[in-house]
Amino acid sequence: PRLSVAPDGRLDLIFYDRRNNVENRGNDVYYTYSRDGGVTFAPNLRLTHLDSDSTIGPEYTAASAKGMFEFGSRLALVSGPSRVTAAWTDTRYTARAFPSQDIFGAEIDFPVAASHRGVLQGAGAVLAAGGIALMAAGRRRSRLKGGRS
């Protein structure tokens, strides 16, 4: 998981989760937040619309990790007063024959008022080419629901 704190004290959190995959290898990325110091968190918001196969990517070189793949340690999260920016490793467009990983991202906007509602503005691939990162077009909208979980 990755945790970040907004200037107003809101705790933002993203994490990989396999709850939707019966094979226990397809990861989705979820976002949640807390306004009471982590005592309670808002319902999880799924940021990915397709899961990522955690068995695609570079294999660890250490003998103790033989056969395991390096996946999930590259999460990024930046919290602002009214926006959260998240990025994660993703393999949804990767074939097993070419085991590479992409970077995807999303921005979550919050209203200025201190409520538990927000809007997911976009989730798309971040393509790194020649040292330049570009956010791919595709947009998704989803509402965060108030309440505690």
N, C-alpha and C. Protein backbone atom coordinates (compact mmCIF):
# COMPACT_ATOMS: atom_id res chain seq x y z
N PRO A 1 0.83 -1.21 0.00
CA PRO A 1 0.00 0.00 0.00
C PRO A 1 0.86 1.26 0.00
N ARG A 2 0.26 2.37 -0.38
CA ARG A 2 0.94 3.67 -0.32
C ARG A 2 0.01 4.64 0.38
N LEU A 3 0.55 5.36 1.34
CA LEU A 3 -0.21 6.31 2.14
C LEU A 3 0.34 7.71 1.92
N SER A 4 -0.55 8.69 1.85
CA SER A 4 -0.17 10.09 1.70
C SER A 4 -1.12 10.93 2.55
N VAL A 5 -0.63 12.07 3.02
CA VAL A 5 -1.44 12.94 3.88
C VAL A 5 -1.64 14.28 3.19
N ALA A 6 -2.91 14.69 3.06
CA ALA A 6 -3.26 15.99 2.46
C ALA A 6 -2.99 17.09 3.49
N PRO A 7 -2.84 18.35 3.03
CA PRO A 7 -2.59 19.46 3.95
C PRO A 7 -3.64 19.60 5.06
N ASP A 8 -4.88 19.18 4.80
CA ASP A 8 -5.93 19.29 5.82
C ASP A 8 -5.99 18.07 6.75
N GLY A 9 -5.04 17.14 6.60
CA GLY A 9 -4.98 15.97 7.46
C GLY A 9 -5.68 14.73 6.92
N ARG A 10 -6.33 14.84 5.76
CA ARG A 10 -6.98 13.67 5.16
C ARG A 10 -5.91 12.63 4.82
N LEU A 11 -6.15 11.38 5.20
CA LEU A 11 -5.24 10.29 4.85
C LEU A 11 -5.74 9.65 3.57
N ASP A 12 -4.89 9.58 2.56
CA ASP A 12 -5.22 8.93 1.29
C ASP A 12 -4.42 7.65 1.20
N LEU A 13 -5.03 6.61 0.63
CA LEU A 13 -4.40 5.31 0.56
C LEU A 13 -4.75 4.62 -0.74
N ILE A 14 -3.75 4.04 -1.43
CA ILE A 14 -4.00 3.17 -2.57
C ILE A 14 -3.33 1.83 -2.28
N PHE A 15 -3.89 0.78 -2.86
CA PHE A 15 -3.35 -0.55 -2.62
C PHE A 15 -3.80 -1.51 -3.72
N TYR A 16 -2.99 -2.56 -3.93
CA TYR A 16 -3.36 -3.65 -4.83
C TYR A 16 -4.27 -4.61 -4.08
N ASP A 17 -5.22 -5.22 -4.79
CA ASP A 17 -6.13 -6.16 -4.16
C ASP A 17 -6.55 -7.20 -5.20
N ARG A 18 -6.63 -8.45 -4.79
CA ARG A 18 -7.00 -9.54 -5.69
C ARG A 18 -8.41 -10.06 -5.43
N ARG A 19 -9.25 -9.30 -4.74
CA ARG A 19 -10.58 -9.78 -4.34
C ARG A 19 -11.46 -10.19 -5.51
N ASN A 20 -11.22 -9.64 -6.69
CA ASN A 20 -12.08 -9.94 -7.85
C ASN A 20 -11.53 -11.06 -8.73
N ASN A 21 -10.41 -11.68 -8.35
CA ASN A 21 -9.76 -12.67 -9.21
C ASN A 21 -9.70 -14.02 -8.51
N VAL A 22 -10.42 -15.01 -9.04
CA VAL A 22 -10.47 -16.33 -8.42
C VAL A 22 -9.14 -17.07 -8.51
N GLU A 23 -8.29 -16.70 -9.47
CA GLU A 23 -6.98 -17.34 -9.60
C GLU A 23 -5.95 -16.75 -8.64
N ASN A 24 -6.31 -15.69 -7.94
CA ASN A 24 -5.44 -15.04 -6.96
C ASN A 24 -4.14 -14.51 -7.57
N ARG A 25 -4.22 -14.00 -8.79
CA ARG A 25 -3.04 -13.38 -9.39
C ARG A 25 -3.37 -12.09 -10.12
N GLY A 26 -4.64 -11.80 -10.36
CA GLY A 26 -5.06 -10.58 -11.04
C GLY A 26 -5.29 -9.45 -10.03
N ASN A 27 -4.46 -8.43 -10.08
CA ASN A 27 -4.55 -7.31 -9.15
C ASN A 27 -5.35 -6.14 -9.71
N ASP A 28 -6.16 -5.55 -8.85
CA ASP A 28 -6.78 -4.26 -9.13
C ASP A 28 -6.19 -3.27 -8.15
N VAL A 29 -6.31 -1.98 -8.46
CA VAL A 29 -5.84 -0.94 -7.55
C VAL A 29 -7.05 -0.23 -7.00
N TYR A 30 -7.08 -0.05 -5.69
CA TYR A 30 -8.17 0.61 -4.98
C TYR A 30 -7.67 1.84 -4.25
N TYR A 31 -8.56 2.79 -4.08
CA TYR A 31 -8.29 4.02 -3.33
C TYR A 31 -9.30 4.14 -2.19
N THR A 32 -8.86 4.67 -1.08
CA THR A 32 -9.75 5.02 0.02
C THR A 32 -9.13 6.20 0.77
N TYR A 33 -9.89 6.79 1.66
CA TYR A 33 -9.39 7.91 2.45
C TYR A 33 -10.03 7.92 3.83
N SER A 34 -9.40 8.62 4.74
CA SER A 34 -9.91 8.78 6.10
C SER A 34 -9.81 10.24 6.49
N ARG A 35 -10.83 10.73 7.14
CA ARG A 35 -10.82 12.10 7.66
C ARG A 35 -10.74 12.13 9.18
N ASP A 36 -10.59 10.95 9.80
CA ASP A 36 -10.51 10.90 11.27
C ASP A 36 -9.23 10.23 11.75
N GLY A 37 -8.14 10.47 11.04
CA GLY A 37 -6.84 9.94 11.45
C GLY A 37 -6.68 8.44 11.28
N GLY A 38 -7.49 7.82 10.44
CA GLY A 38 -7.37 6.40 10.17
C GLY A 38 -8.24 5.51 11.04
N VAL A 39 -9.12 6.11 11.84
CA VAL A 39 -10.04 5.31 12.65
C VAL A 39 -11.03 4.60 11.73
N THR A 40 -11.58 5.32 10.75
CA THR A 40 -12.48 4.74 9.76
C THR A 40 -12.04 5.21 8.38
N PHE A 41 -12.40 4.43 7.38
CA PHE A 41 -12.08 4.77 5.99
C PHE A 41 -13.34 4.74 5.14
N ALA A 42 -13.35 5.56 4.09
CA ALA A 42 -14.46 5.58 3.13
C ALA A 42 -14.49 4.25 2.38
N PRO A 43 -15.61 3.91 1.77
CA PRO A 43 -15.66 2.68 0.95
C PRO A 43 -14.58 2.73 -0.13
N ASN A 44 -14.03 1.57 -0.45
CA ASN A 44 -12.98 1.48 -1.47
C ASN A 44 -13.51 1.86 -2.83
N LEU A 45 -12.70 2.59 -3.59
CA LEU A 45 -13.00 2.95 -4.96
C LEU A 45 -12.01 2.22 -5.86
N ARG A 46 -12.50 1.39 -6.75
CA ARG A 46 -11.64 0.67 -7.68
C ARG A 46 -11.17 1.64 -8.75
N LEU A 47 -9.85 1.81 -8.88
CA LEU A 47 -9.30 2.72 -9.87
C LEU A 47 -9.07 2.04 -11.21
N THR A 48 -8.88 0.74 -11.22
CA THR A 48 -8.63 -0.01 -12.46
C THR A 48 -9.94 -0.59 -12.99
N HIS A 49 -10.05 -0.68 -14.30
CA HIS A 49 -11.23 -1.33 -14.87
C HIS A 49 -10.87 -2.71 -15.43
N LEU A 50 -9.58 -3.01 -15.55
CA LEU A 50 -9.08 -4.34 -15.91
C LEU A 50 -7.99 -4.69 -14.91
N ASP A 51 -7.92 -5.96 -14.52
CA ASP A 51 -6.89 -6.32 -13.56
C ASP A 51 -5.55 -6.54 -14.24
N SER A 52 -4.50 -6.62 -13.43
CA SER A 52 -3.14 -6.85 -13.91
C SER A 52 -2.66 -8.20 -13.41
N ASP A 53 -2.02 -8.96 -14.29
CA ASP A 53 -1.49 -10.26 -13.94
C ASP A 53 -0.18 -10.07 -13.17
N SER A 54 -0.16 -10.49 -11.92
CA SER A 54 1.02 -10.29 -11.08
C SER A 54 2.15 -11.26 -11.39
N THR A 55 1.94 -12.15 -12.38
CA THR A 55 3.01 -13.06 -12.78
C THR A 55 3.69 -12.60 -14.06
N ILE A 56 3.47 -11.35 -14.43
CA ILE A 56 4.13 -10.76 -15.60
C ILE A 56 5.05 -9.65 -15.12
N GLY A 57 6.27 -9.71 -15.58
CA GLY A 57 7.23 -8.68 -15.20
C GLY A 57 8.57 -9.29 -14.89
N PRO A 58 9.49 -8.47 -14.43
CA PRO A 58 10.83 -8.99 -14.14
C PRO A 58 10.82 -9.94 -12.94
N GLU A 59 11.60 -11.01 -13.06
CA GLU A 59 11.72 -11.95 -11.95
C GLU A 59 12.81 -11.46 -11.00
N TYR A 60 12.60 -11.73 -9.73
CA TYR A 60 13.64 -11.41 -8.75
C TYR A 60 14.88 -12.23 -9.06
N THR A 61 16.05 -11.68 -8.81
CA THR A 61 17.30 -12.38 -9.09
C THR A 61 17.84 -13.12 -7.87
N ALA A 62 17.38 -12.80 -6.70
CA ALA A 62 17.85 -13.47 -5.48
C ALA A 62 17.38 -14.93 -5.48
N ALA A 63 18.27 -15.82 -5.06
CA ALA A 63 17.94 -17.25 -5.02
C ALA A 63 16.73 -17.52 -4.12
N SER A 64 16.59 -16.76 -3.05
CA SER A 64 15.48 -16.99 -2.12
C SER A 64 14.13 -16.60 -2.72
N ALA A 65 14.13 -15.84 -3.81
CA ALA A 65 12.89 -15.40 -4.44
C ALA A 65 12.73 -16.00 -5.83
N LYS A 66 13.42 -17.09 -6.10
CA LYS A 66 13.37 -17.72 -7.43
C LYS A 66 11.92 -18.03 -7.82
N GLY A 67 11.56 -17.67 -9.04
CA GLY A 67 10.21 -17.90 -9.55
C GLY A 67 9.20 -16.84 -9.17
N MET A 68 9.61 -15.85 -8.39
CA MET A 68 8.70 -14.77 -7.99
C MET A 68 8.92 -13.55 -8.87
N PHE A 69 7.87 -12.78 -9.07
CA PHE A 69 7.94 -11.61 -9.93
C PHE A 69 7.89 -10.33 -9.11
N GLU A 70 8.65 -9.34 -9.54
CA GLU A 70 8.66 -8.04 -8.87
C GLU A 70 7.43 -7.28 -9.36
N PHE A 71 6.43 -7.21 -8.52
CA PHE A 71 5.18 -6.57 -8.89
C PHE A 71 4.56 -5.94 -7.66
N GLY A 72 4.16 -4.71 -7.77
CA GLY A 72 3.41 -4.10 -6.68
C GLY A 72 4.19 -3.18 -5.78
N SER A 73 5.48 -3.08 -5.95
CA SER A 73 6.25 -2.19 -5.07
C SER A 73 6.33 -0.77 -5.61
N ARG A 74 5.82 -0.56 -6.79
CA ARG A 74 5.91 0.76 -7.40
C ARG A 74 4.55 1.46 -7.40
N LEU A 75 4.16 1.94 -6.26
CA LEU A 75 2.95 2.73 -6.11
C LEU A 75 3.36 4.16 -5.76
N ALA A 76 2.66 5.12 -6.32
CA ALA A 76 2.93 6.53 -6.01
C ALA A 76 1.61 7.22 -5.67
N LEU A 77 1.65 8.14 -4.71
CA LEU A 77 0.45 8.83 -4.27
C LEU A 77 0.83 10.22 -3.77
N VAL A 78 0.18 11.24 -4.31
CA VAL A 78 0.41 12.62 -3.90
C VAL A 78 -0.93 13.23 -3.52
N SER A 79 -1.00 13.77 -2.30
CA SER A 79 -2.25 14.35 -1.80
C SER A 79 -2.17 15.86 -1.78
N GLY A 80 -3.18 16.50 -2.36
CA GLY A 80 -3.31 17.94 -2.28
C GLY A 80 -4.59 18.28 -1.54
N PRO A 81 -4.88 19.56 -1.38
CA PRO A 81 -6.08 19.94 -0.65
C PRO A 81 -7.37 19.45 -1.31
N SER A 82 -7.40 19.40 -2.63
CA SER A 82 -8.64 19.00 -3.30
C SER A 82 -8.41 17.94 -4.38
N ARG A 83 -7.21 17.38 -4.46
CA ARG A 83 -6.91 16.40 -5.50
C ARG A 83 -5.89 15.39 -5.00
N VAL A 84 -6.09 14.14 -5.41
CA VAL A 84 -5.15 13.07 -5.13
C VAL A 84 -4.68 12.53 -6.48
N THR A 85 -3.39 12.35 -6.64
CA THR A 85 -2.85 11.77 -7.86
C THR A 85 -2.19 10.44 -7.49
N ALA A 86 -2.60 9.38 -8.19
CA ALA A 86 -2.11 8.04 -7.91
C ALA A 86 -1.48 7.45 -9.16
N ALA A 87 -0.46 6.61 -8.99
CA ALA A 87 0.17 5.89 -10.10
C ALA A 87 0.56 4.50 -9.62
N TRP A 88 0.51 3.52 -10.54
CA TRP A 88 0.80 2.14 -10.18
C TRP A 88 1.32 1.37 -11.38
N THR A 89 1.95 0.22 -11.08
CA THR A 89 2.44 -0.71 -12.09
C THR A 89 1.25 -1.50 -12.61
N ASP A 90 1.19 -1.70 -13.93
CA ASP A 90 0.03 -2.33 -14.53
C ASP A 90 0.47 -3.20 -15.71
N THR A 91 -0.14 -4.39 -15.86
CA THR A 91 0.24 -5.29 -16.96
C THR A 91 -0.93 -5.63 -17.87
N ARG A 92 -2.01 -4.90 -17.81
CA ARG A 92 -3.21 -5.27 -18.57
C ARG A 92 -2.99 -5.34 -20.08
N TYR A 93 -2.04 -4.60 -20.62
CA TYR A 93 -1.78 -4.61 -22.06
C TYR A 93 -0.50 -5.36 -22.41
N THR A 94 -0.05 -6.22 -21.53
CA THR A 94 1.22 -6.92 -21.71
C THR A 94 0.98 -8.39 -22.00
N ALA A 95 1.69 -8.93 -22.99
CA ALA A 95 1.62 -10.36 -23.28
C ALA A 95 2.71 -11.07 -22.48
N ARG A 96 2.44 -12.28 -22.08
CA ARG A 96 3.41 -13.04 -21.30
C ARG A 96 4.74 -13.20 -22.04
N ALA A 97 4.70 -13.23 -23.37
CA ALA A 97 5.93 -13.37 -24.16
C ALA A 97 6.82 -12.13 -24.07
N PHE A 98 6.25 -10.98 -23.75
CA PHE A 98 7.00 -9.73 -23.62
C PHE A 98 6.72 -9.16 -22.24
N PRO A 99 7.35 -9.68 -21.20
CA PRO A 99 7.00 -9.35 -19.82
C PRO A 99 7.41 -7.95 -19.36
N SER A 100 6.71 -6.97 -19.85
CA SER A 100 6.99 -5.60 -19.41
C SER A 100 5.83 -5.11 -18.56
N GLN A 101 6.05 -4.02 -17.86
CA GLN A 101 5.02 -3.42 -17.03
C GLN A 101 4.86 -1.96 -17.44
N ASP A 102 3.63 -1.49 -17.44
CA ASP A 102 3.33 -0.10 -17.75
C ASP A 102 3.05 0.64 -16.45
N ILE A 103 2.95 1.94 -16.55
CA ILE A 103 2.56 2.76 -15.41
C ILE A 103 1.22 3.40 -15.75
N PHE A 104 0.25 3.23 -14.88
CA PHE A 104 -1.06 3.83 -15.04
C PHE A 104 -1.27 4.84 -13.93
N GLY A 105 -2.23 5.74 -14.12
CA GLY A 105 -2.48 6.75 -13.11
C GLY A 105 -3.92 7.20 -13.09
N ALA A 106 -4.28 7.88 -12.01
CA ALA A 106 -5.62 8.44 -11.86
C ALA A 106 -5.54 9.68 -10.98
N GLU A 107 -6.49 10.56 -11.18
CA GLU A 107 -6.64 11.74 -10.32
C GLU A 107 -8.03 11.70 -9.71
N ILE A 108 -8.09 11.94 -8.40
CA ILE A 108 -9.35 11.99 -7.69
C ILE A 108 -9.53 13.42 -7.20
N ASP A 109 -10.60 14.08 -7.62
CA ASP A 109 -10.89 15.45 -7.20
C ASP A 109 -11.90 15.44 -6.07
N PHE A 110 -11.66 16.28 -5.07
CA PHE A 110 -12.59 16.45 -3.96
C PHE A 110 -13.22 17.83 -4.05
N PRO A 111 -14.49 17.96 -3.65
CA PRO A 111 -15.07 19.30 -3.56
C PRO A 111 -14.34 20.08 -2.46
N VAL A 112 -14.39 21.38 -2.52
CA VAL A 112 -13.73 22.21 -1.52
C VAL A 112 -14.34 21.98 -0.14
N ALA A 113 -15.66 21.77 -0.07
CA ALA A 113 -16.32 21.51 1.21
C ALA A 113 -15.81 20.19 1.79
N ALA A 114 -15.71 20.12 3.10
CA ALA A 114 -15.20 18.92 3.76
C ALA A 114 -16.29 17.85 3.82
N SER A 115 -16.54 17.22 2.71
CA SER A 115 -17.52 16.13 2.68
C SER A 115 -16.82 14.85 2.27
N HIS A 116 -17.54 13.76 2.24
CA HIS A 116 -16.96 12.48 1.85
C HIS A 116 -17.25 12.17 0.38
N ARG A 117 -17.47 13.17 -0.44
CA ARG A 117 -17.75 12.89 -1.84
C ARG A 117 -16.63 13.42 -2.70
N GLY A 118 -16.29 12.70 -3.73
CA GLY A 118 -15.25 13.09 -4.66
C GLY A 118 -15.54 12.50 -6.01
N VAL A 119 -14.80 12.87 -7.00
CA VAL A 119 -15.01 12.36 -8.35
C VAL A 119 -13.69 11.89 -8.92
N LEU A 120 -13.67 10.68 -9.43
CA LEU A 120 -12.50 10.17 -10.13
C LEU A 120 -12.49 10.82 -11.50
N GLN A 121 -11.48 11.62 -11.78
CA GLN A 121 -11.43 12.37 -13.03
C GLN A 121 -10.88 11.58 -14.20
N GLY A 122 -9.87 10.79 -13.99
CA GLY A 122 -9.32 10.07 -15.13
C GLY A 122 -8.45 8.92 -14.67
N ALA A 123 -8.42 7.87 -15.43
CA ALA A 123 -7.51 6.76 -15.17
C ALA A 123 -7.03 6.29 -16.52
N GLY A 124 -5.76 6.39 -16.77
CA GLY A 124 -5.23 6.00 -18.07
C GLY A 124 -3.77 5.64 -17.97
N ALA A 125 -3.24 5.16 -19.04
CA ALA A 125 -1.84 4.75 -19.05
C ALA A 125 -0.93 5.95 -19.09
N VAL A 126 0.16 5.86 -18.40
CA VAL A 126 1.22 6.85 -18.51
C VAL A 126 2.30 6.18 -19.31
N LEU A 127 2.58 6.68 -20.47
CA LEU A 127 3.55 6.07 -21.35
C LEU A 127 4.88 6.80 -21.25
N ALA A 128 5.92 6.07 -20.95
CA ALA A 128 7.24 6.68 -20.86
C ALA A 128 8.00 6.38 -22.14
N ALA A 129 8.36 7.41 -22.86
CA ALA A 129 9.09 7.25 -24.11
C ALA A 129 10.17 8.32 -24.18
N GLY A 130 11.40 7.90 -24.27
CA GLY A 130 12.50 8.85 -24.37
C GLY A 130 12.56 9.78 -23.16
N GLY A 131 12.20 9.31 -22.00
CA GLY A 131 12.27 10.13 -20.79
C GLY A 131 11.10 11.08 -20.62
N ILE A 132 10.12 11.03 -21.51
CA ILE A 132 8.96 11.92 -21.42
C ILE A 132 7.74 11.08 -21.05
N ALA A 133 7.03 11.48 -20.02
CA ALA A 133 5.83 10.74 -19.61
C ALA A 133 4.59 11.46 -20.13
N LEU A 134 3.70 10.73 -20.75
CA LEU A 134 2.46 11.29 -21.29
C LEU A 134 1.28 10.52 -20.74
N MET A 135 0.27 11.22 -20.27
CA MET A 135 -0.94 10.55 -19.79
C MET A 135 -1.81 10.23 -21.01
N ALA A 136 -2.18 8.97 -21.17
CA ALA A 136 -3.03 8.57 -22.30
C ALA A 136 -4.43 9.15 -22.14
N ALA A 137 -5.12 9.35 -23.25
CA ALA A 137 -6.43 10.00 -23.23
C ALA A 137 -7.43 9.26 -22.36
N GLY A 138 -8.19 8.38 -22.60
CA GLY A 138 -9.20 7.69 -21.84
C GLY A 138 -9.58 8.26 -20.48
N ARG A 139 -10.85 8.52 -20.28
CA ARG A 139 -11.33 9.07 -19.00
C ARG A 139 -12.42 8.17 -18.44
N ARG A 140 -12.43 8.08 -17.13
CA ARG A 140 -13.48 7.37 -16.40
C ARG A 140 -14.01 8.28 -15.32
N ARG A 141 -15.28 8.15 -15.02
CA ARG A 141 -15.87 8.91 -13.92
C ARG A 141 -16.51 7.95 -12.95
N SER A 142 -16.33 8.25 -11.69
CA SER A 142 -16.91 7.43 -10.65
C SER A 142 -17.07 8.30 -9.42
N ARG A 143 -18.11 8.11 -8.65
CA ARG A 143 -18.33 8.93 -7.45
C ARG A 143 -17.92 8.17 -6.21
N LEU A 144 -17.24 8.88 -5.31
CA LEU A 144 -16.97 8.33 -3.98
C LEU A 144 -18.22 8.53 -3.17
N LYS A 145 -18.62 7.54 -2.41
CA LYS A 145 -19.83 7.64 -1.60
C LYS A 145 -19.44 7.96 -0.17
N GLY A 146 -20.26 8.76 0.47
CA GLY A 146 -20.02 9.11 1.85
C GLY A 146 -20.26 7.91 2.75
N GLY A 147 -19.92 8.06 3.97
CA GLY A 147 -20.15 6.98 4.91
C GLY A 147 -18.85 6.33 5.33
N ARG A 148 -18.96 5.42 6.22
CA ARG A 148 -17.78 4.78 6.79
C ARG A 148 -17.80 3.30 6.48
N SER A 149 -16.62 2.73 6.43
CA SER A 149 -16.56 1.26 6.24
C SER A 149 -15.53 0.69 7.16
